Amino acid sequence: MTDTNTKYYRFYSRQNGYQNGLPLKCFESDIIEDTYNETSKFIDMSGKDILKYSNIINNKDIIKIAKIFPSWYYYPVGIEITDIRIYT
């Protein structure tokens, strides 16, 4: 039986831009299961920034991957990463 409260996240090699921005290709980390949804407050933060909170994070997978990819950004699985630039 799958826990319906479990959320899934991963690190992406680019920071997300504007809603309806141009989609970008990027690299993705392995999926991180967040059974207790304790890491949702770290969405849009880099691995380096997340590591500053490592003393209050119970999910060791996020800490492990943040150390591997400190300049990548944390988002829910399936997000479409878009460009941060505005084209006129």
Protein backbone atom coordinates (compact mmCIF):
# COMPACT_ATOMS: atom_id res chain seq x y z
CA MET A 1 0.00 0.00 0.00
CA THR A 2 1.35 3.43 -0.94
CA ASP A 3 1.20 6.26 1.58
CA THR A 4 -0.84 9.06 -0.01
CA ASN A 5 0.88 11.66 2.21
CA THR A 6 4.30 10.91 0.76
CA LYS A 7 5.63 13.71 -1.43
CA TYR A 8 8.39 13.28 -4.00
CA TYR A 9 11.11 15.81 -4.72
CA ARG A 10 14.41 16.03 -6.53
CA PHE A 11 17.21 18.48 -7.20
CA TYR A 12 17.34 20.15 -10.63
CA SER A 13 20.46 21.68 -12.18
CA ARG A 14 18.70 24.99 -12.90
CA GLN A 15 16.59 27.34 -10.84
CA ASN A 16 13.00 27.64 -11.99
CA GLY A 17 12.03 30.85 -13.75
CA TYR A 18 8.71 32.44 -14.53
CA GLN A 19 5.36 30.74 -14.87
CA ASN A 20 4.68 30.27 -18.59
CA GLY A 21 8.37 30.87 -19.33
CA LEU A 22 10.22 28.95 -22.00
CA PRO A 23 10.86 25.36 -20.85
CA LEU A 24 14.51 24.48 -20.29
CA LYS A 25 16.35 21.20 -20.34
CA CYS A 26 18.22 20.38 -17.16
CA PHE A 27 19.73 17.53 -15.19
CA GLU A 28 17.80 15.87 -12.34
CA SER A 29 18.89 14.05 -9.21
CA ASP A 30 17.42 10.81 -7.91
CA ILE A 31 13.94 11.08 -6.41
CA ILE A 32 13.72 11.91 -2.70
CA GLU A 33 10.75 10.49 -0.79
CA ASP A 34 9.43 12.84 1.89
CA THR A 35 7.03 10.66 3.88
CA TYR A 36 6.27 13.32 6.50
CA ASN A 37 6.35 16.29 4.10
CA GLU A 38 8.98 18.00 6.22
CA THR A 39 11.04 19.34 3.32
CA SER A 40 8.41 21.31 1.38
CA LYS A 41 9.73 24.51 3.00
CA PHE A 42 12.98 24.04 1.05
CA ILE A 43 11.39 24.29 -2.41
CA ASP A 44 13.32 26.72 -4.64
CA MET A 45 16.39 26.59 -2.39
CA SER A 46 19.83 25.44 -3.47
CA GLY A 47 21.52 22.44 -1.91
CA LYS A 48 24.02 24.82 -0.27
CA ASP A 49 21.21 26.76 1.40
CA ILE A 50 19.40 23.60 2.48
CA LEU A 51 22.55 22.29 4.18
CA LYS A 52 22.37 25.26 6.56
CA TYR A 53 19.28 23.55 8.03
CA SER A 54 20.76 20.04 8.20
CA ASN A 55 20.45 19.99 11.99
CA ILE A 56 16.62 20.10 11.76
CA ILE A 57 16.12 17.77 8.76
CA ASN A 58 15.26 14.16 9.58
CA ASN A 59 15.32 13.02 5.95
CA LYS A 60 18.96 12.06 5.37
CA ASP A 61 18.45 11.60 1.60
CA ILE A 62 17.98 15.34 1.05
CA ILE A 63 21.17 16.07 3.01
CA LYS A 64 23.15 13.44 1.08
CA ILE A 65 22.04 14.75 -2.31
CA ALA A 66 22.42 18.42 -1.31
CA LYS A 67 26.08 17.68 -0.51
CA ILE A 68 26.56 16.14 -3.96
CA PHE A 69 24.76 18.97 -5.81
CA PRO A 70 25.14 22.16 -3.70
CA SER A 71 24.36 24.48 -6.63
CA TRP A 72 21.21 22.61 -7.75
CA TYR A 73 17.66 23.56 -6.71
CA TYR A 74 15.00 21.58 -4.85
CA TYR A 75 11.55 21.13 -6.43
CA PRO A 76 8.67 18.64 -6.53
CA VAL A 77 9.02 15.83 -9.05
CA GLY A 78 7.47 16.71 -12.40
CA ILE A 79 7.93 20.47 -12.29
CA GLU A 80 8.72 22.04 -15.64
CA ILE A 81 11.82 24.20 -15.25
CA THR A 82 11.39 27.44 -17.18
CA ASP A 83 13.65 30.29 -18.22
CA ILE A 84 14.18 33.15 -15.79
CA ARG A 85 14.80 35.70 -18.55
CA ILE A 86 12.10 37.87 -20.08
CA TYR A 87 12.15 38.07 -23.89
CA THR A 88 10.73 41.11 -25.62
